[in-house]
Amino acid sequence: MRRLAFPVLSLCFLLFAALPAAAETVTVMLDWFPNMDHLPLYVARDGGHFAEAGLDVEILAPSDTATAFKMALVGKVDLAVTYESQVLVAASEGTASTVTSTLVDSPLNVVLFLAGRGIEGPSDLAGKVVGYTEPDFERLLLAALADRAIGDVDTVHVHFAIVASLIAGKADAVIGGYRNYEVTELERQGYEARFFTLEELGFPPYSELIVATSPETARERREMIERFNGALEKAVAAIEADPGGALDLFFRALPEADRELESAVFERTRAFFPRRQQLDVGRWQVFADYLHAQGVMASPVAVGDLLLP
C-alpha cells in the first residue's frame, strides 16, 4: 500500500491541476433598465469574453438611475454603470470613487425637436420653450445658450416624457433625449426628429456612460478590472466584426426587448462604443472644469484622483 501512495497522490495532483480554475465572480449594476447602450457588456458575457478572462459576470438592473453608483461605493456591487457628470459632481461634494472603464464614449444627450416647428439653427431656440429632464441639465443648457448669445428661453420640466412633450407641443425642444433612442421613437410614430448635439451648443466632449467603483475595490481588485476591460475591448471588436451576431446575443439575453426598436437604435449607437479602454485625463479635466464654471459643481475636481491609472 505504501508503494501505491506516491502514484495515487501524483495522480490526484495531476487531476486537480487539470481542473479549470474557478471564475472570479463580478457583479455589475446598470444605470437603468437593460438597453442597447449596454450591448458590450452582454456581448462580453454571452460571447464568452468575460469567461475567457476568468470572470463570471452578473449584470443587474437597478431600481432608479442613482442606485448603481451608490451601491458600488458601499461595496454592495463590484462595478456600476453610471454617468461622467454624476461621478464628477459627487467628487466635488467629497464623495470618492474610481472610474475604471468607458461604455459609451460620446454624448448621446441632445437638444431634440421636431421638423417644421420653426427651429433650424441654435439661434432659433431664442424665445422658445425648452423642456428638460433634470435640473442640472437646465442650468447647463441656459449657460450654453448664454455663451452662444442666443437669448432667453423659457424652460419646463418634462420629467422623462420627452417624446410626448414634443408631440403635444408642451415644449418646442427638449434637452435630455438621446440621439439613439428618442430620435428612433419619434420616427416610429411618424415624426421627423432633428437635434443639436451638445457640442454644437458649446459643451466639451464627455463620455455618456462610464463604469465606476469604490476606491477600495479599485485597489483590491485591480487585476480583475484589467481583465474586465480587456474583455470589453474584445466585445467591441466582436460587435464591429459581426453586428448581426452581437444583436442575436442581445436578444437572446433579453427576449422581451422590442426587436424593431433596438435594431434601429443599434445602428445609431454602435459607433460610440470605445475600441480601447483608455481614460483621457485631459478630456475629463476639461469637462470637470466646465461643470464647475457653470455652477453645477460647487468646487473644482482634479480628475487624476478619480481615474484608474
Protein backbone atom coordinates (compact mmCIF):
# COMPACT_ATOMS: atom_id res chain seq x y z
CA MET A 1 0.00 0.00 0.00
CA ARG A 2 2.86 2.37 0.79
CA ARG A 3 4.32 1.84 -2.67
CA LEU A 4 0.96 2.92 -4.18
CA ALA A 5 0.75 6.09 -2.14
CA PHE A 6 3.06 8.21 -4.29
CA PRO A 7 1.45 7.29 -7.62
CA VAL A 8 -2.02 7.85 -6.17
CA LEU A 9 -1.02 11.22 -4.77
CA SER A 10 0.64 12.15 -8.06
CA LEU A 11 -2.47 11.16 -9.99
CA CYS A 12 -4.65 13.24 -7.65
CA PHE A 13 -2.33 16.22 -8.13
CA LEU A 14 -2.46 15.88 -11.91
CA LEU A 15 -6.25 15.61 -11.89
CA PHE A 16 -6.54 18.64 -9.64
CA ALA A 17 -4.14 20.63 -11.82
CA ALA A 18 -6.19 19.75 -14.91
CA LEU A 19 -9.36 21.21 -13.45
CA PRO A 20 -10.18 24.73 -14.70
CA ALA A 21 -9.72 27.48 -12.15
CA ALA A 22 -12.95 28.80 -10.72
CA ALA A 23 -14.07 32.00 -12.40
CA GLU A 24 -13.96 35.16 -10.32
CA THR A 25 -17.44 36.48 -9.65
CA VAL A 26 -18.13 40.11 -10.60
CA THR A 27 -21.39 41.99 -10.14
CA VAL A 28 -22.14 44.90 -12.47
CA MET A 29 -25.19 47.09 -11.91
CA LEU A 30 -26.55 49.06 -14.85
CA ASP A 31 -27.56 52.70 -14.73
CA TRP A 32 -31.09 51.85 -15.89
CA PHE A 33 -33.05 49.03 -17.47
CA PRO A 34 -31.04 46.92 -19.95
CA ASN A 35 -30.83 48.54 -23.38
CA MET A 36 -28.62 48.87 -26.43
CA ASP A 37 -26.25 51.27 -24.64
CA HIS A 38 -25.15 48.25 -22.59
CA LEU A 39 -24.51 45.96 -25.57
CA PRO A 40 -20.75 45.47 -24.97
CA LEU A 41 -21.48 44.03 -21.54
CA TYR A 42 -23.89 41.44 -22.94
CA VAL A 43 -21.59 40.53 -25.82
CA ALA A 44 -18.66 40.18 -23.40
CA ARG A 45 -20.72 37.96 -21.12
CA ASP A 46 -22.65 35.83 -23.59
CA GLY A 47 -19.97 35.83 -26.28
CA GLY A 48 -17.54 34.23 -23.84
CA HIS A 49 -15.08 37.12 -23.48
CA PHE A 50 -15.57 37.50 -19.74
CA ALA A 51 -15.27 33.74 -19.30
CA GLU A 52 -12.01 33.74 -21.28
CA ALA A 53 -10.76 36.38 -18.83
CA GLY A 54 -11.66 34.13 -15.90
CA LEU A 55 -14.67 36.21 -14.89
CA ASP A 56 -18.22 35.20 -14.06
CA VAL A 57 -20.09 38.49 -14.57
CA GLU A 58 -23.61 39.06 -13.29
CA ILE A 59 -25.43 42.03 -14.86
CA LEU A 60 -28.03 43.64 -12.57
CA ALA A 61 -30.72 46.27 -13.24
CA PRO A 62 -31.28 49.00 -10.60
CA SER A 63 -34.45 50.47 -9.17
CA ASP A 64 -33.51 54.00 -10.34
CA THR A 65 -30.65 55.88 -12.01
CA ALA A 66 -28.88 56.77 -8.75
CA THR A 67 -28.88 53.28 -7.25
CA ALA A 68 -25.98 51.65 -9.08
CA PHE A 69 -23.34 54.25 -8.23
CA LYS A 70 -24.35 54.34 -4.57
CA MET A 71 -24.27 50.55 -4.27
CA ALA A 72 -20.81 50.35 -5.82
CA LEU A 73 -19.48 52.95 -3.39
CA VAL A 74 -20.58 50.91 -0.37
CA GLY A 75 -19.47 47.58 -1.84
CA LYS A 76 -22.91 46.11 -2.47
CA VAL A 77 -21.91 45.57 -6.11
CA ASP A 78 -18.45 45.45 -7.60
CA LEU A 79 -18.92 47.81 -10.54
CA ALA A 80 -21.58 50.32 -11.56
CA VAL A 81 -22.54 51.78 -14.92
CA THR A 82 -23.11 55.48 -14.33
CA TYR A 83 -22.61 58.96 -15.79
CA GLU A 84 -19.48 61.07 -16.03
CA SER A 85 -21.31 64.09 -14.60
CA GLN A 86 -22.61 62.06 -11.64
CA VAL A 87 -19.10 60.95 -10.68
CA LEU A 88 -17.72 64.48 -11.03
CA VAL A 89 -20.49 66.14 -9.02
CA ALA A 90 -20.09 63.52 -6.29
CA ALA A 91 -16.35 64.15 -6.20
CA SER A 92 -16.93 67.90 -5.85
CA GLU A 93 -19.09 67.13 -2.81
CA GLY A 94 -16.38 64.99 -1.21
CA THR A 95 -17.51 61.52 -2.31
CA ALA A 96 -14.56 59.48 -3.54
CA SER A 97 -14.89 56.93 -6.32
CA THR A 98 -12.74 55.45 -9.07
CA VAL A 99 -13.64 55.38 -12.75
CA THR A 100 -12.48 52.13 -14.33
CA SER A 101 -13.92 51.92 -17.82
CA THR A 102 -15.92 53.60 -20.57
CA LEU A 103 -19.08 52.11 -22.05
CA VAL A 104 -20.35 54.89 -24.36
CA ASP A 105 -17.58 57.29 -25.29
CA SER A 106 -19.56 60.27 -26.67
CA PRO A 107 -22.56 62.30 -25.52
CA LEU A 108 -25.86 60.75 -26.56
CA ASN A 109 -27.77 63.60 -24.95
CA VAL A 110 -29.01 66.19 -27.46
CA VAL A 111 -31.38 69.13 -27.79
CA LEU A 112 -34.22 67.37 -29.57
CA PHE A 113 -37.01 68.97 -31.61
CA LEU A 114 -39.40 68.24 -34.47
CA ALA A 115 -39.01 69.36 -38.06
CA GLY A 116 -41.42 72.07 -39.12
CA ARG A 117 -41.59 73.73 -35.70
CA GLY A 118 -39.56 76.82 -36.64
CA ILE A 119 -36.16 75.64 -35.45
CA GLU A 120 -33.36 75.42 -37.99
CA GLY A 121 -30.30 76.54 -36.04
CA PRO A 122 -29.42 77.03 -32.36
CA SER A 123 -30.30 80.74 -32.58
CA ASP A 124 -33.90 79.77 -33.31
CA LEU A 125 -34.23 78.50 -29.73
CA ALA A 126 -34.46 82.12 -28.54
CA GLY A 127 -37.92 82.74 -27.13
CA LYS A 128 -38.84 79.05 -27.37
CA VAL A 129 -39.97 76.70 -24.58
CA VAL A 130 -37.21 74.22 -23.89
CA GLY A 131 -38.00 71.19 -21.76
CA TYR A 132 -35.50 69.49 -19.50
CA THR A 133 -35.40 66.16 -17.69
CA GLU A 134 -33.04 67.00 -14.83
CA PRO A 135 -32.36 70.37 -13.10
CA ASP A 136 -28.61 70.20 -13.74
CA PHE A 137 -29.25 69.98 -17.46
CA GLU A 138 -31.41 73.10 -17.30
CA ARG A 139 -28.54 75.07 -15.79
CA LEU A 140 -26.11 73.72 -18.33
CA LEU A 141 -28.49 74.47 -21.19
CA LEU A 142 -29.06 78.06 -20.12
CA ALA A 143 -25.33 78.60 -19.67
CA ALA A 144 -24.60 77.11 -23.08
CA LEU A 145 -27.26 79.24 -24.75
CA ALA A 146 -25.94 82.34 -23.00
CA ASP A 147 -22.44 81.54 -24.23
CA ARG A 148 -23.83 81.38 -27.76
CA ALA A 149 -25.63 84.74 -27.27
CA ILE A 150 -28.88 83.06 -28.30
CA GLY A 151 -31.01 84.93 -25.80
CA ASP A 152 -33.63 83.98 -23.28
CA VAL A 153 -35.58 80.75 -23.41
CA ASP A 154 -38.45 79.55 -21.29
CA THR A 155 -38.00 76.21 -19.58
CA VAL A 156 -40.37 73.49 -18.42
CA HIS A 157 -39.66 70.30 -16.51
CA VAL A 158 -40.95 67.44 -18.66
CA HIS A 159 -39.54 64.70 -16.40
CA PHE A 160 -38.99 61.75 -18.76
CA ALA A 161 -41.99 62.41 -21.04
CA ILE A 162 -39.65 63.63 -23.75
CA VAL A 163 -41.38 62.25 -26.82
CA ALA A 164 -44.90 63.03 -25.55
CA SER A 165 -43.95 66.61 -24.66
CA LEU A 166 -42.63 67.31 -28.14
CA ILE A 167 -45.59 65.73 -29.91
CA ALA A 168 -48.12 67.57 -27.73
CA GLY A 169 -46.31 70.88 -28.12
CA LYS A 170 -45.67 71.26 -24.40
CA ALA A 171 -42.06 72.03 -25.33
CA ASP A 172 -40.56 73.27 -28.58
CA ALA A 173 -37.35 71.40 -27.82
CA VAL A 174 -36.12 69.12 -25.05
CA ILE A 175 -32.68 68.56 -23.62
CA GLY A 176 -32.34 65.11 -22.08
CA GLY A 177 -33.35 62.98 -25.06
CA TYR A 178 -30.83 60.61 -26.59
CA ARG A 179 -29.84 60.75 -30.23
CA ASN A 180 -30.28 56.98 -30.47
CA TYR A 181 -33.49 56.21 -28.53
CA GLU A 182 -35.79 59.23 -28.59
CA VAL A 183 -34.99 60.03 -32.22
CA THR A 184 -35.91 56.47 -33.16
CA GLU A 185 -39.10 56.54 -31.08
CA LEU A 186 -40.27 59.77 -32.75
CA GLU A 187 -39.62 58.33 -36.19
CA ARG A 188 -41.57 55.20 -35.31
CA GLN A 189 -44.54 57.44 -34.50
CA GLY A 190 -44.29 59.17 -37.86
CA TYR A 191 -42.43 62.35 -36.88
CA GLU A 192 -39.24 63.77 -38.34
CA ALA A 193 -36.85 64.27 -35.44
CA ARG A 194 -33.98 66.72 -35.52
CA PHE A 195 -31.44 67.68 -32.91
CA PHE A 196 -28.47 69.81 -31.96
CA THR A 197 -25.60 67.99 -30.36
CA LEU A 198 -24.36 69.43 -27.10
CA GLU A 199 -21.05 70.07 -28.79
CA GLU A 200 -22.85 72.45 -31.17
CA LEU A 201 -24.04 74.40 -28.12
CA GLY A 202 -20.58 74.71 -26.65
CA PHE A 203 -20.38 71.69 -24.35
CA PRO A 204 -16.98 70.00 -24.23
CA PRO A 205 -16.94 66.30 -25.17
CA TYR A 206 -17.56 63.73 -22.47
CA SER A 207 -18.50 60.06 -22.10
CA GLU A 208 -22.21 59.33 -21.77
CA LEU A 209 -21.77 56.10 -19.80
CA ILE A 210 -18.79 55.01 -17.73
CA VAL A 211 -18.05 52.29 -15.19
CA ALA A 212 -17.09 53.22 -11.63
CA THR A 213 -16.40 51.58 -8.30
CA SER A 214 -15.18 52.42 -4.82
CA PRO A 215 -11.51 53.31 -4.34
CA GLU A 216 -11.19 50.24 -2.11
CA THR A 217 -12.47 47.88 -4.80
CA ALA A 218 -10.23 49.55 -7.39
CA ARG A 219 -7.17 48.94 -5.18
CA GLU A 220 -8.00 45.43 -4.07
CA ARG A 221 -9.28 44.11 -7.40
CA ARG A 222 -7.15 45.99 -9.88
CA GLU A 223 -6.19 42.82 -11.74
CA MET A 224 -9.85 41.83 -12.12
CA ILE A 225 -10.67 45.27 -13.54
CA GLU A 226 -7.89 44.97 -16.10
CA ARG A 227 -9.25 41.61 -17.24
CA PHE A 228 -12.76 43.09 -17.32
CA ASN A 229 -11.57 45.94 -19.55
CA GLY A 230 -9.76 43.55 -21.85
CA ALA A 231 -12.96 41.57 -22.30
CA LEU A 232 -14.87 44.77 -23.10
CA GLU A 233 -12.36 45.61 -25.83
CA LYS A 234 -12.81 42.14 -27.33
CA ALA A 235 -16.58 42.56 -27.17
CA VAL A 236 -16.49 45.85 -29.06
CA ALA A 237 -14.25 44.24 -31.68
CA ALA A 238 -16.78 41.40 -31.97
CA ILE A 239 -19.63 43.91 -32.42
CA GLU A 240 -17.73 45.57 -35.27
CA ALA A 241 -16.82 42.26 -36.89
CA ASP A 242 -20.26 40.65 -36.61
CA PRO A 243 -23.07 43.15 -35.92
CA GLY A 244 -25.77 40.56 -36.57
CA GLY A 245 -24.21 38.10 -34.16
CA ALA A 246 -23.98 40.82 -31.48
CA LEU A 247 -27.67 41.61 -31.90
CA ASP A 248 -28.53 37.92 -31.62
CA LEU A 249 -26.68 37.71 -28.30
CA PHE A 250 -28.54 40.79 -27.04
CA PHE A 251 -31.97 39.44 -27.97
CA ARG A 252 -31.24 36.01 -26.53
CA ALA A 253 -30.27 37.67 -23.26
CA LEU A 254 -33.31 39.96 -23.35
CA PRO A 255 -36.09 38.16 -25.25
CA GLU A 256 -38.63 40.74 -24.07
CA ALA A 257 -36.81 43.56 -25.91
CA ASP A 258 -38.51 45.30 -28.84
CA ARG A 259 -36.53 43.89 -31.76
CA GLU A 260 -37.53 46.55 -34.26
CA LEU A 261 -36.73 49.42 -31.90
CA GLU A 262 -33.48 48.02 -30.57
CA SER A 263 -32.21 47.06 -34.02
CA ALA A 264 -32.76 50.62 -35.23
CA VAL A 265 -31.16 52.03 -32.07
CA PHE A 266 -28.17 49.74 -32.58
CA GLU A 267 -27.37 51.41 -35.89
CA ARG A 268 -27.31 54.79 -34.13
CA THR A 269 -25.24 53.56 -31.17
CA ARG A 270 -22.55 51.22 -32.44
CA ALA A 271 -20.12 53.99 -33.41
CA PHE A 272 -19.97 55.26 -29.81
CA PHE A 273 -18.59 52.08 -28.19
CA PRO A 274 -14.87 52.65 -27.45
CA ARG A 275 -12.38 50.29 -29.04
CA ARG A 276 -9.82 50.87 -26.30
CA GLN A 277 -10.28 51.22 -22.57
CA GLN A 278 -8.08 54.26 -22.05
CA LEU A 279 -9.33 57.09 -19.84
CA ASP A 280 -8.37 60.50 -21.21
CA VAL A 281 -7.38 62.61 -18.20
CA GLY A 282 -7.21 65.79 -20.26
CA ARG A 283 -10.69 65.41 -21.70
CA TRP A 284 -12.14 64.57 -18.29
CA GLN A 285 -10.49 67.62 -16.76
CA VAL A 286 -11.91 69.96 -19.41
CA PHE A 287 -15.44 68.67 -18.73
CA ALA A 288 -14.94 68.88 -14.96
CA ASP A 289 -13.75 72.47 -15.26
CA TYR A 290 -16.77 73.27 -17.45
CA LEU A 291 -19.22 71.87 -14.89
CA HIS A 292 -17.53 73.91 -12.19
CA ALA A 293 -17.55 77.08 -14.26
CA GLN A 294 -21.27 76.67 -14.95
CA GLY A 295 -22.10 76.22 -11.27
CA VAL A 296 -23.06 72.56 -11.48
CA MET A 297 -20.17 71.67 -9.14
CA ALA A 298 -19.56 73.69 -6.02
CA SER A 299 -15.82 73.05 -6.03
CA PRO A 300 -13.23 72.09 -8.66
CA VAL A 301 -12.14 68.50 -9.09
CA ALA A 302 -8.74 67.11 -10.05
CA VAL A 303 -9.77 64.18 -12.21
CA GLY A 304 -6.41 62.47 -11.89
CA ASP A 305 -7.56 61.36 -8.45
CA LEU A 306 -10.69 59.79 -9.95
CA LEU A 307 -9.46 57.84 -12.95
CA LEU A 308 -7.89 54.41 -12.71
CA PRO A 309 -4.25 54.96 -13.72
